Protein backbone atom coordinates (compact mmCIF):
# COMPACT_ATOMS: atom_id res chain seq x y z
CA UNK A 1 -62.64 -37.71 30.18
CA UNK A 2 -65.92 -35.85 29.74
CA UNK A 3 -69.37 -37.46 29.86
CA UNK A 4 -69.72 -36.79 26.14
CA UNK A 5 -66.48 -38.66 25.40
CA UNK A 6 -67.72 -41.59 27.49
CA UNK A 7 -70.96 -41.54 25.52
CA UNK A 8 -69.05 -41.70 22.23
CA UNK A 9 -67.04 -44.68 23.49
CA UNK A 10 -70.28 -46.49 24.43
CA UNK A 11 -71.71 -45.71 20.98
CA UNK A 12 -68.60 -47.10 19.29
CA UNK A 13 -68.89 -50.32 21.33
CA UNK A 14 -72.57 -50.60 20.45
CA UNK A 15 -71.86 -50.06 16.74
CA UNK A 16 -69.12 -52.68 16.75
CA UNK A 17 -71.59 -55.16 18.16
CA UNK A 18 -74.27 -54.22 15.63
CA UNK A 19 -71.82 -54.31 12.72
CA UNK A 20 -70.94 -57.93 13.51
CA UNK A 21 -74.33 -58.77 11.95
CA UNK A 22 -73.57 -57.37 8.48
CA UNK A 23 -70.82 -55.95 6.28
CA UNK A 24 -73.33 -53.90 4.27
CA UNK A 25 -72.16 -50.25 4.33
CA UNK A 26 -75.68 -48.81 3.86
CA UNK A 27 -76.99 -50.80 6.82
CA UNK A 28 -74.04 -49.67 8.89
CA UNK A 29 -74.51 -46.01 7.91
CA UNK A 30 -78.20 -46.22 8.81
CA UNK A 31 -77.27 -47.56 12.25
CA UNK A 32 -74.66 -44.82 12.74
CA UNK A 33 -77.18 -42.11 11.88
CA UNK A 34 -79.88 -43.48 14.14
CA UNK A 35 -77.61 -44.07 17.10
CA UNK A 36 -75.77 -40.76 16.93
CA UNK A 37 -78.86 -38.71 16.22
CA UNK A 38 -80.79 -40.10 19.15
CA UNK A 39 -77.93 -40.33 21.64
CA UNK A 40 -76.14 -36.99 21.19
CA UNK A 41 -78.33 -34.10 22.33
CA UNK A 42 -76.84 -31.34 20.19
CA UNK A 43 -77.32 -33.19 16.87
CA UNK A 44 -80.02 -31.60 14.70
CA UNK A 45 -79.27 -33.37 11.38
CA UNK A 46 -77.16 -36.51 11.07
CA UNK A 47 -76.44 -38.13 7.76
CA UNK A 48 -74.23 -39.29 4.95
CA UNK A 49 -73.60 -37.70 1.59
CA UNK A 50 -72.03 -40.11 -0.89
CA UNK A 51 -70.24 -39.55 -4.18
CA UNK A 52 -71.93 -41.24 -7.13
CA UNK A 53 -70.43 -42.39 -10.44
CA UNK A 54 -70.74 -38.84 -11.84
CA UNK A 55 -68.83 -37.43 -8.85
CA UNK A 56 -72.00 -35.78 -7.56
CA UNK A 57 -72.46 -35.59 -3.79
CA UNK A 58 -75.92 -37.01 -3.03
CA UNK A 59 -77.77 -37.44 0.22
CA UNK A 60 -77.94 -40.99 1.52
CA UNK A 61 -79.05 -42.30 4.89
CA UNK A 62 -79.93 -39.61 7.44
CA UNK A 63 -81.97 -38.59 10.49
CA UNK A 64 -83.55 -35.17 10.87
CA UNK A 65 -85.45 -32.72 8.69
CA UNK A 66 -85.49 -32.95 4.91
CA UNK A 67 -82.06 -32.47 3.32
CA UNK A 68 -80.54 -31.11 0.14
CA UNK A 69 -80.57 -34.03 -2.29
CA UNK A 70 -77.46 -32.94 -4.19
CA UNK A 71 -74.78 -30.57 -2.93
CA UNK A 72 -73.38 -28.03 -5.36
CA UNK A 73 -69.91 -29.10 -6.50
CA UNK A 74 -66.99 -27.58 -4.57
CA UNK A 75 -69.25 -25.48 -2.36
CA UNK A 76 -70.00 -25.80 1.35
CA UNK A 77 -68.48 -27.68 4.26
CA UNK A 78 -69.02 -31.18 2.85
CA UNK A 79 -67.15 -30.44 -0.38
CA UNK A 80 -64.44 -28.59 1.57
CA UNK A 81 -63.92 -31.73 3.64
CA UNK A 82 -63.65 -33.87 0.50
CA UNK A 83 -61.38 -31.45 -1.36
CA UNK A 84 -59.08 -30.93 1.65
CA UNK A 85 -59.22 -34.64 2.54
CA UNK A 86 -59.80 -33.83 6.20
CA UNK A 87 -62.49 -33.51 8.81
CA UNK A 88 -64.06 -30.07 9.16
CA UNK A 89 -65.29 -28.40 12.35
CA UNK A 90 -67.38 -25.23 11.84
CA UNK A 91 -68.60 -23.49 15.04
CA UNK A 92 -70.69 -20.93 13.09
CA UNK A 93 -71.84 -21.90 9.58
CA UNK A 94 -72.75 -18.31 8.74
CA UNK A 95 -69.03 -17.47 8.85
CA UNK A 96 -68.04 -20.31 6.50
CA UNK A 97 -67.57 -19.02 2.92
CA UNK A 98 -69.93 -20.78 0.52
CA UNK A 99 -71.92 -22.56 3.22
CA UNK A 100 -74.91 -24.43 1.78
CA UNK A 101 -77.99 -23.81 3.91
CA UNK A 102 -80.18 -26.87 3.42
CA UNK A 103 -81.99 -25.86 6.60
CA UNK A 104 -81.90 -22.34 8.02
CA UNK A 105 -82.00 -23.75 11.56
CA UNK A 106 -78.50 -25.27 11.20
CA UNK A 107 -75.97 -23.10 13.03
CA UNK A 108 -72.84 -25.27 13.41
CA UNK A 109 -71.51 -28.29 11.56
CA UNK A 110 -68.99 -31.08 11.67
CA UNK A 111 -68.08 -33.16 8.60
CA UNK A 112 -66.02 -36.37 8.54
CA UNK A 113 -64.81 -38.01 5.30
CA UNK A 114 -65.71 -41.65 4.66
CA UNK A 115 -62.90 -43.72 3.15
CA UNK A 116 -63.02 -47.04 1.32
CA UNK A 117 -59.62 -48.43 0.32
CA UNK A 118 -57.95 -45.06 1.00
CA UNK A 119 -60.38 -43.26 -1.33
CA UNK A 120 -63.03 -40.79 -0.15
CA UNK A 121 -66.49 -42.10 -1.03
CA UNK A 122 -68.53 -39.54 0.92
CA UNK A 123 -68.91 -37.74 4.22
CA UNK A 124 -70.70 -37.99 7.52
CA UNK A 125 -72.36 -34.59 7.93
CA UNK A 126 -73.73 -33.48 11.29
CA UNK A 127 -75.48 -30.18 11.96
CA UNK A 128 -76.60 -28.56 15.17
CA UNK A 129 -79.23 -25.88 15.60
CA UNK A 130 -76.90 -24.14 18.08
CA UNK A 131 -73.73 -22.19 17.37
CA UNK A 132 -70.57 -23.64 18.92
CA UNK A 133 -72.42 -26.89 19.64
CA UNK A 134 -69.52 -29.21 18.80
CA UNK A 135 -66.29 -29.84 20.63
CA UNK A 136 -63.22 -30.29 18.46
CA UNK A 137 -62.45 -33.61 20.19
CA UNK A 138 -65.66 -35.05 18.72
CA UNK A 139 -63.83 -35.37 15.40
CA UNK A 140 -61.64 -38.23 16.63
CA UNK A 141 -64.63 -40.30 17.79
CA UNK A 142 -66.57 -39.68 14.58
CA UNK A 143 -63.51 -40.64 12.52
CA UNK A 144 -63.30 -43.91 14.49
CA UNK A 145 -66.97 -44.54 13.73
CA UNK A 146 -66.49 -43.91 10.01
CA UNK A 147 -63.56 -46.33 9.88
CA UNK A 148 -65.97 -49.05 11.03
CA UNK A 149 -68.25 -48.61 7.97
CA UNK A 150 -65.93 -50.43 5.57
CA UNK A 151 -63.89 -52.53 7.99
């Protein structure tokens, strides 16, 4: 097990402890963003985009530079994750067709769907300012974290 994997396991334990204080999903997402953003060195932007009643994907809680407020429908990594109903791992965003560049410093991205009652309600979107910053195994830890939001 790598040091990064051990760090994710510690973060999950810490979140479980914090989440015992409230069932509020927004509070939980805020804690996820803060913890991940400040504990994982290669994170440049860490946040949630949530679907609203009009099926628009809007920025919610996040850490990092200013974000796109609304993501163009069916374009970019976040919408690809929602439409494919799976986590997305993009080592070089410039090679991803239709990538939405909210910040030109973002070079790689990982996106994890958020489910409530088996329905996607949004995504956890994480960018790095380095290409190939993410390891594919990070997906499983981030998926575990997202499960905690509505549990």
